[in-house]
PDB file of N, CA and C in Angstrom:
ATOM      1  N   MET A   1     -14.308   9.166   7.899  1.00  0.00           N
ATOM      2  CA  MET A   1     -14.163   8.400   6.665  1.00  0.00           C
ATOM      3  C   MET A   1     -13.249   7.200   6.955  1.00  0.00           C
ATOM      4  N   PRO A   2     -13.704   5.991   6.650  1.00  0.00           N
ATOM      5  CA  PRO A   2     -12.879   4.805   6.928  1.00  0.00           C
ATOM      6  C   PRO A   2     -11.643   4.768   6.037  1.00  0.00           C
ATOM      7  N   LEU A   3     -10.638   4.040   6.513  1.00  0.00           N
ATOM      8  CA  LEU A   3      -9.432   3.861   5.705  1.00  0.00           C
ATOM      9  C   LEU A   3      -9.754   3.021   4.489  1.00  0.00           C
ATOM     10  N   LYS A   4      -9.131   3.364   3.387  1.00  0.00           N
ATOM     11  CA  LYS A   4      -9.328   2.635   2.143  1.00  0.00           C
ATOM     12  C   LYS A   4      -7.963   2.412   1.509  1.00  0.00           C
ATOM     13  N   VAL A   5      -7.699   1.180   1.074  1.00  0.00           N
ATOM     14  CA  VAL A   5      -6.465   0.862   0.378  1.00  0.00           C
ATOM     15  C   VAL A   5      -6.828   0.506  -1.060  1.00  0.00           C
ATOM     16  N   THR A   6      -6.274   1.257  -2.016  1.00  0.00           N
ATOM     17  CA  THR A   6      -6.525   1.026  -3.430  1.00  0.00           C
ATOM     18  C   THR A   6      -5.222   0.603  -4.086  1.00  0.00           C
ATOM     19  N   ILE A   7      -5.258  -0.494  -4.807  1.00  0.00           N
ATOM     20  CA  ILE A   7      -4.080  -0.962  -5.522  1.00  0.00           C
ATOM     21  C   ILE A   7      -4.064  -0.261  -6.872  1.00  0.00           C
ATOM     22  N   ARG A   8      -3.027   0.533  -7.108  1.00  0.00           N
ATOM     23  CA  ARG A   8      -2.897   1.241  -8.373  1.00  0.00           C
ATOM     24  C   ARG A   8      -2.278   0.313  -9.408  1.00  0.00           C
ATOM     25  N   LYS A   9      -2.781   0.343 -10.621  1.00  0.00           N
ATOM     26  CA  LYS A   9      -2.294  -0.541 -11.676  1.00  0.00           C
ATOM     27  C   LYS A   9      -0.786  -0.371 -11.857  1.00  0.00           C
ATOM     28  N   ASN A  10      -0.063  -1.473 -11.632  1.00  0.00           N
ATOM     29  CA  ASN A  10       1.401  -1.482 -11.734  1.00  0.00           C
ATOM     30  C   ASN A  10       2.044  -0.344 -10.941  1.00  0.00           C
ATOM     31  N   GLY A  11       1.420   0.000  -9.826  1.00  0.00           N
ATOM     32  CA  GLY A  11       1.916   1.085  -8.994  1.00  0.00           C
ATOM     33  C   GLY A  11       1.751   0.788  -7.519  1.00  0.00           C
ATOM     34  N   PRO A  12       1.689   1.833  -6.713  1.00  0.00           N
ATOM     35  CA  PRO A  12       1.688   1.668  -5.266  1.00  0.00           C
ATOM     36  C   PRO A  12       0.319   1.298  -4.688  1.00  0.00           C
ATOM     37  N   TYR A  13       0.334   1.021  -3.382  1.00  0.00           N
ATOM     38  CA  TYR A  13      -0.893   0.912  -2.604  1.00  0.00           C
ATOM     39  C   TYR A  13      -1.218   2.330  -2.157  1.00  0.00           C
ATOM     40  N   LEU A  14      -2.381   2.843  -2.517  1.00  0.00           N
ATOM     41  CA  LEU A  14      -2.796   4.175  -2.122  1.00  0.00           C
ATOM     42  C   LEU A  14      -3.712   4.045  -0.907  1.00  0.00           C
ATOM     43  N   VAL A  15      -3.290   4.622   0.217  1.00  0.00           N
ATOM     44  CA  VAL A  15      -4.062   4.564   1.455  1.00  0.00           C
ATOM     45  C   VAL A  15      -4.690   5.928   1.665  1.00  0.00           C
ATOM     46  N   SER A  16      -6.021   5.965   1.780  1.00  0.00           N
ATOM     47  CA  SER A  16      -6.730   7.221   1.968  1.00  0.00           C
ATOM     48  C   SER A  16      -7.788   7.049   3.049  1.00  0.00           C
ATOM     49  N   GLY A  17      -8.359   8.150   3.452  1.00  0.00           N
ATOM     50  CA  GLY A  17      -9.358   8.126   4.512  1.00  0.00           C
ATOM     51  C   GLY A  17      -8.829   8.861   5.731  1.00  0.00           C
ATOM     52  N   ASP A  18      -9.307   8.484   6.908  1.00  0.00           N
ATOM     53  CA  ASP A  18      -8.889   9.129   8.147  1.00  0.00           C
ATOM     54  C   ASP A  18      -7.545   8.559   8.585  1.00  0.00           C
ATOM     55  N   LEU A  19      -6.459   9.178   8.129  1.00  0.00           N
ATOM     56  CA  LEU A  19      -5.124   8.670   8.447  1.00  0.00           C
ATOM     57  C   LEU A  19      -4.784   8.814   9.925  1.00  0.00           C
ATOM     58  N   ASN A  20      -5.608   9.534  10.690  1.00  0.00           N
ATOM     59  CA  ASN A  20      -5.423   9.567  12.141  1.00  0.00           C
ATOM     60  C   ASN A  20      -5.659   8.188  12.744  1.00  0.00           C
ATOM     61  N   GLU A  21      -6.375   7.348  12.014  1.00  0.00           N
ATOM     62  CA  GLU A  21      -6.667   5.989  12.470  1.00  0.00           C
ATOM     63  C   GLU A  21      -5.586   4.993  12.049  1.00  0.00           C
ATOM     64  N   LEU A  22      -4.627   5.443  11.260  1.00  0.00           N
ATOM     65  CA  LEU A  22      -3.578   4.568  10.740  1.00  0.00           C
ATOM     66  C   LEU A  22      -2.305   4.724  11.549  1.00  0.00           C
ATOM     67  N   GLU A  23      -1.772   3.604  12.018  1.00  0.00           N
ATOM     68  CA  GLU A  23      -0.459   3.610  12.659  1.00  0.00           C
ATOM     69  C   GLU A  23       0.483   2.850  11.746  1.00  0.00           C
ATOM     70  N   LEU A  24       1.420   3.565  11.148  1.00  0.00           N
ATOM     71  CA  LEU A  24       2.385   2.980  10.227  1.00  0.00           C
ATOM     72  C   LEU A  24       3.737   2.967  10.923  1.00  0.00           C
ATOM     73  N   THR A  25       4.315   1.763  11.083  1.00  0.00           N
ATOM     74  CA  THR A  25       5.591   1.634  11.791  1.00  0.00           C
ATOM     75  C   THR A  25       6.599   0.896  10.931  1.00  0.00           C
ATOM     76  N   ASP A  26       7.886   1.121  11.240  1.00  0.00           N
ATOM     77  CA  ASP A  26       8.936   0.376  10.565  1.00  0.00           C
ATOM     78  C   ASP A  26       9.161  -0.948  11.297  1.00  0.00           C
ATOM     79  N   ALA A  27      10.130  -1.721  10.853  1.00  0.00           N
ATOM     80  CA  ALA A  27      10.381  -3.051  11.430  1.00  0.00           C
ATOM     81  C   ALA A  27      10.792  -2.981  12.900  1.00  0.00           C
ATOM     82  N   ASP A  28      11.295  -1.830  13.346  1.00  0.00           N
ATOM     83  CA  ASP A  28      11.702  -1.670  14.740  1.00  0.00           C
ATOM     84  C   ASP A  28      10.616  -1.052  15.605  1.00  0.00           C
ATOM     85  N   GLY A  29       9.438  -0.809  15.014  1.00  0.00           N
ATOM     86  CA  GLY A  29       8.326  -0.240  15.767  1.00  0.00           C
ATOM     87  C   GLY A  29       8.295   1.273  15.803  1.00  0.00           C
ATOM     88  N   ASN A  30       9.200   1.934  15.075  1.00  0.00           N
ATOM     89  CA  ASN A  30       9.203   3.395  15.015  1.00  0.00           C
ATOM     90  C   ASN A  30       8.060   3.867  14.133  1.00  0.00           C
ATOM     91  N   LYS A  31       7.283   4.820  14.629  1.00  0.00           N
ATOM     92  CA  LYS A  31       6.121   5.315  13.902  1.00  0.00           C
ATOM     93  C   LYS A  31       6.503   6.373  12.875  1.00  0.00           C
ATOM     94  N   TYR A  32       5.859   6.306  11.712  1.00  0.00           N
ATOM     95  CA  TYR A  32       5.979   7.352  10.699  1.00  0.00           C
ATOM     96  C   TYR A  32       4.968   8.440  11.038  1.00  0.00           C
ATOM     97  N   ASP A  33       5.376   9.691  10.914  1.00  0.00           N
ATOM     98  CA  ASP A  33       4.493  10.812  11.186  1.00  0.00           C
ATOM     99  C   ASP A  33       3.673  11.116   9.936  1.00  0.00           C
ATOM    100  N   LEU A  34       2.383  10.883  10.023  1.00  0.00           N
ATOM    101  CA  LEU A  34       1.480  11.130   8.893  1.00  0.00           C
ATOM    102  C   LEU A  34       0.633  12.379   9.114  1.00  0.00           C
ATOM    103  N   THR A  35       1.009  13.191  10.093  1.00  0.00           N
ATOM    104  CA  THR A  35       0.263  14.405  10.426  1.00  0.00           C
ATOM    105  C   THR A  35       0.077  15.283   9.190  1.00  0.00           C
ATOM    106  N   GLY A  36      -1.164  15.682   8.948  1.00  0.00           N
ATOM    107  CA  GLY A  36      -1.472  16.576   7.844  1.00  0.00           C
ATOM    108  C   GLY A  36      -1.621  15.897   6.495  1.00  0.00           C
ATOM    109  N   LYS A  37      -1.344  14.605   6.425  1.00  0.00           N
ATOM    110  CA  LYS A  37      -1.472  13.870   5.153  1.00  0.00           C
ATOM    111  C   LYS A  37      -2.926  13.457   4.951  1.00  0.00           C
ATOM    112  N   GLN A  38      -3.398  13.557   3.719  1.00  0.00           N
ATOM    113  CA  GLN A  38      -4.747  13.106   3.391  1.00  0.00           C
ATOM    114  C   GLN A  38      -4.721  11.730   2.741  1.00  0.00           C
ATOM    115  N   ALA A  39      -3.541  11.347   2.224  1.00  0.00           N
ATOM    116  CA  ALA A  39      -3.355  10.030   1.611  1.00  0.00           C
ATOM    117  C   ALA A  39      -1.856   9.753   1.572  1.00  0.00           C
ATOM    118  N   VAL A  40      -1.498   8.475   1.528  1.00  0.00           N
ATOM    119  CA  VAL A  40      -0.103   8.081   1.345  1.00  0.00           C
ATOM    120  C   VAL A  40      -0.054   6.971   0.306  1.00  0.00           C
ATOM    121  N   ALA A  41       1.018   6.942  -0.449  1.00  0.00           N
ATOM    122  CA  ALA A  41       1.230   5.898  -1.449  1.00  0.00           C
ATOM    123  C   ALA A  41       2.371   5.022  -0.947  1.00  0.00           C
ATOM    124  N   LEU A  42       2.101   3.735  -0.752  1.00  0.00           N
ATOM    125  CA  LEU A  42       3.096   2.810  -0.239  1.00  0.00           C
ATOM    126  C   LEU A  42       3.700   1.998  -1.382  1.00  0.00           C
ATOM    127  N   CYS A  43       5.025   1.900  -1.375  1.00  0.00           N
ATOM    128  CA  CYS A  43       5.761   1.197  -2.420  1.00  0.00           C
ATOM    129  C   CYS A  43       5.353  -0.266  -2.481  1.00  0.00           C
ATOM    130  N   ARG A  44       5.173  -0.753  -3.680  1.00  0.00           N
ATOM    131  CA  ARG A  44       4.848  -2.158  -3.910  1.00  0.00           C
ATOM    132  C   ARG A  44       5.923  -2.851  -4.724  1.00  0.00           C
ATOM    133  N   CYS A  45       6.740  -2.079  -5.435  1.00  0.00           N
ATOM    134  CA  CYS A  45       7.743  -2.683  -6.320  1.00  0.00           C
ATOM    135  C   CYS A  45       9.040  -3.025  -5.587  1.00  0.00           C
ATOM    136  N   GLY A  46       9.268  -2.376  -4.450  1.00  0.00           N
ATOM    137  CA  GLY A  46      10.473  -2.623  -3.679  1.00  0.00           C
ATOM    138  C   GLY A  46      11.669  -1.790  -4.087  1.00  0.00           C
ATOM    139  N   ALA A  47      11.530  -0.932  -5.078  1.00  0.00           N
ATOM    140  CA  ALA A  47      12.672  -0.180  -5.587  1.00  0.00           C
ATOM    141  C   ALA A  47      12.710   1.286  -5.143  1.00  0.00           C
ATOM    142  N   SER A  48      11.710   1.744  -4.415  1.00  0.00           N
ATOM    143  CA  SER A  48      11.684   3.134  -3.968  1.00  0.00           C
ATOM    144  C   SER A  48      12.864   3.426  -3.049  1.00  0.00           C
ATOM    145  N   VAL A  49      13.456   4.603  -3.189  1.00  0.00           N
ATOM    146  CA  VAL A  49      14.513   5.008  -2.268  1.00  0.00           C
ATOM    147  C   VAL A  49      13.906   5.709  -1.049  1.00  0.00           C
ATOM    148  N   ASN A  50      12.592   5.853  -1.032  1.00  0.00           N
ATOM    149  CA  ASN A  50      11.872   6.516   0.045  1.00  0.00           C
ATOM    150  C   ASN A  50      10.929   5.534   0.751  1.00  0.00           C
ATOM    151  N   LYS A  51      11.328   4.255   0.828  1.00  0.00           N
ATOM    152  CA  LYS A  51      10.482   3.234   1.441  1.00  0.00           C
ATOM    153  C   LYS A  51      10.077   3.641   2.855  1.00  0.00           C
ATOM    154  N   PRO A  52       8.870   3.354   3.271  1.00  0.00           N
ATOM    155  CA  PRO A  52       7.892   2.507   2.609  1.00  0.00           C
ATOM    156  C   PRO A  52       7.039   3.265   1.595  1.00  0.00           C
ATOM    157  N   PHE A  53       7.363   4.541   1.369  1.00  0.00           N
ATOM    158  CA  PHE A  53       6.557   5.367   0.477  1.00  0.00           C
ATOM    159  C   PHE A  53       7.018   5.245  -0.970  1.00  0.00           C
ATOM    160  N   CYS A  54       6.082   5.378  -1.877  1.00  0.00           N
ATOM    161  CA  CYS A  54       6.359   5.307  -3.305  1.00  0.00           C
ATOM    162  C   CYS A  54       7.040   6.593  -3.765  1.00  0.00           C
ATOM    163  N   ASP A  55       8.047   6.449  -4.625  1.00  0.00           N
ATOM    164  CA  ASP A  55       8.698   7.620  -5.219  1.00  0.00           C
ATOM    165  C   ASP A  55       8.584   7.629  -6.740  1.00  0.00           C
ATOM    166  N   GLY A  56       7.785   6.720  -7.290  1.00  0.00           N
ATOM    167  CA  GLY A  56       7.576   6.664  -8.739  1.00  0.00           C
ATOM    168  C   GLY A  56       8.535   5.763  -9.485  1.00  0.00           C
ATOM    169  N   THR A  57       9.460   5.127  -8.778  1.00  0.00           N
ATOM    170  CA  THR A  57      10.448   4.269  -9.434  1.00  0.00           C
ATOM    171  C   THR A  57       9.804   3.119 -10.196  1.00  0.00           C
ATOM    172  N   HIS A  58       8.635   2.661  -9.755  1.00  0.00           N
ATOM    173  CA  HIS A  58       7.958   1.539 -10.421  1.00  0.00           C
ATOM    174  C   HIS A  58       7.777   1.790 -11.912  1.00  0.00           C
ATOM    175  N   SER A  59       7.513   3.044 -12.274  1.00  0.00           N
ATOM    176  CA  SER A  59       7.302   3.351 -13.694  1.00  0.00           C
ATOM    177  C   SER A  59       8.612   3.339 -14.480  1.00  0.00           C
ATOM    178  N   LYS A  60       9.720   3.623 -13.814  1.00  0.00           N
ATOM    179  CA  LYS A  60      11.019   3.630 -14.483  1.00  0.00           C
ATOM    180  C   LYS A  60      11.581   2.233 -14.694  1.00  0.00           C
ATOM    181  N   ILE A  61      11.207   1.297 -13.804  1.00  0.00           N
ATOM    182  CA  ILE A  61      11.749  -0.066 -13.899  1.00  0.00           C
ATOM    183  C   ILE A  61      10.804  -1.033 -14.592  1.00  0.00           C
ATOM    184  N   GLY A  62       9.614  -0.551 -14.981  1.00  0.00           N
ATOM    185  CA  GLY A  62       8.663  -1.402 -15.684  1.00  0.00           C
ATOM    186  C   GLY A  62       7.977  -2.422 -14.790  1.00  0.00           C
ATOM    187  N   PHE A  63       7.729  -2.046 -13.539  1.00  0.00           N
ATOM    188  CA  PHE A  63       7.068  -2.950 -12.589  1.00  0.00           C
ATOM    189  C   PHE A  63       5.738  -3.446 -13.134  1.00  0.00           C
ATOM    190  N   GLN A  64       5.534  -4.750 -13.078  1.00  0.00           N
ATOM    191  CA  GLN A  64       4.293  -5.392 -13.521  1.00  0.00           C
ATOM    192  C   GLN A  64       3.736  -6.206 -12.362  1.00  0.00           C
ATOM    193  N   ALA A  65       2.452  -6.084 -12.090  1.00  0.00           N
ATOM    194  CA  ALA A  65       1.847  -6.819 -10.983  1.00  0.00           C
ATOM    195  C   ALA A  65       0.415  -7.184 -11.313  1.00  0.00           C
ATOM    196  N   ALA A  66      -0.096  -8.169 -10.593  1.00  0.00           N
ATOM    197  CA  ALA A  66      -1.501  -8.559 -10.726  1.00  0.00           C
ATOM    198  C   ALA A  66      -2.321  -7.692  -9.788  1.00  0.00           C
ATOM    199  N   GLU A  67      -3.336  -7.025 -10.307  1.00  0.00           N
ATOM    200  CA  GLU A  67      -4.171  -6.161  -9.479  1.00  0.00           C
ATOM    201  C   GLU A  67      -5.573  -6.691  -9.255  1.00  0.00           C
ATOM    202  N   ALA A  68      -5.974  -7.697  -9.985  1.00  0.00           N
ATOM    203  CA  ALA A  68      -7.356  -8.159  -9.910  1.00  0.00           C
ATOM    204  C   ALA A  68      -7.643  -8.809  -8.566  1.00  0.00           C
ATOM    205  N   ALA A  69      -8.777  -8.461  -7.983  1.00  0.00           N
ATOM    206  CA  ALA A  69      -9.194  -9.090  -6.737  1.00  0.00           C
ATOM    207  C   ALA A  69      -9.552 -10.543  -7.017  1.00  0.00           C
ATOM    208  N   VAL A  70      -9.165 -11.412  -6.112  1.00  0.00           N
ATOM    209  CA  VAL A  70      -9.435 -12.839  -6.253  1.00  0.00           C
ATOM    210  C   VAL A  70     -10.721 -13.155  -5.507  1.00  0.00           C
ATOM    211  N   LYS A  71     -11.616 -13.877  -6.161  1.00  0.00           N
ATOM    212  CA  LYS A  71     -12.879 -14.249  -5.534  1.00  0.00           C
ATOM    213  C   LYS A  71     -12.592 -15.169  -4.358  1.00  0.00           C
ATOM    214  N   ASN A  72     -13.149 -14.830  -3.201  1.00  0.00           N
ATOM    215  CA  ASN A  72     -12.969 -15.630  -1.991  1.00  0.00           C
ATOM    216  C   ASN A  72     -13.749 -16.930  -2.135  1.00  0.00           C
ATOM    217  N   GLU A  73     -13.051 -18.040  -2.006  1.00  0.00           N
ATOM    218  CA  GLU A  73     -13.694 -19.343  -2.143  1.00  0.00           C
ATOM    219  C   GLU A  73     -13.774 -20.054  -0.798  1.00  0.00           C
ATOM    220  N   GLY A  74     -14.077 -19.285   0.256  1.00  0.00           N
ATOM    221  CA  GLY A  74     -14.319 -19.891   1.554  1.00  0.00           C
ATOM    222  C   GLY A  74     -13.213 -19.753   2.564  1.00  0.00           C
ATOM    223  N   GLY A  75     -12.011 -19.500   2.143  1.00  0.00           N
ATOM    224  CA  GLY A  75     -10.909 -19.398   3.101  1.00  0.00           C
ATOM    225  C   GLY A  75     -10.385 -17.985   3.208  1.00  0.00           C
ATOM    226  N   PRO A  76      -9.444 -17.775   4.114  1.00  0.00           N
ATOM    227  CA  PRO A  76      -8.875 -16.443   4.240  1.00  0.00           C
ATOM    228  C   PRO A  76      -8.072 -16.071   3.004  1.00  0.00           C
ATOM    229  N   MET A  77      -8.162 -14.796   2.633  1.00  0.00           N
ATOM    230  CA  MET A  77      -7.381 -14.264   1.518  1.00  0.00           C
ATOM    231  C   MET A  77      -7.676 -14.975   0.204  1.00  0.00           C
ATOM    232  N   GLY A  78      -8.864 -15.551   0.062  1.00  0.00           N
ATOM    233  CA  GLY A  78      -9.245 -16.175  -1.197  1.00  0.00           C
ATOM    234  C   GLY A  78      -8.706 -17.576  -1.400  1.00  0.00           C
ATOM    235  N   THR A  79      -8.123 -18.171  -0.367  1.00  0.00           N
ATOM    236  CA  THR A  79      -7.594 -19.521  -0.506  1.00  0.00           C
ATOM    237  C   THR A  79      -8.635 -20.541  -0.108  1.00  0.00           C
ATOM    238  N   LYS A  80      -8.556 -21.702  -0.703  1.00  0.00           N
ATOM    239  CA  LYS A  80      -9.458 -22.780  -0.347  1.00  0.00           C
ATOM    240  C   LYS A  80      -8.951 -23.440   0.932  1.00  0.00           C
ATOM    241  N   MET A  81      -9.884 -23.845   1.769  1.00  0.00           N
ATOM    242  CA  MET A  81      -9.500 -24.509   3.025  1.00  0.00           C
ATOM    243  C   MET A  81      -9.799 -25.978   2.963  1.00  0.00           C
TER     244      MET A  81
END
C-alpha cells in the first residue's frame, strides 16, 4: 500500500500506508522508530509537546489552517511560473 498523507481539518498530517517505506528523521538525521505503527499523525500547529507527532494540542489552542488543495497552474506546488 503506497504512503498517503491526509491533511486533517485544523489538525495534523495523517501519514498512512506502508510505513516501512517511510524514513522520518529529526534535524540531526536521527531516525524515529515507526516499527509496528500503521499510521502516524504529524503536528502541524507547532504546539505539540511530542513533536514531530501530534498530541491533540491543536484543538486546545484553536488552530486554524487552510486545507483546500490548490489547483496546479503549471508550476511546482501550484505556483505560476
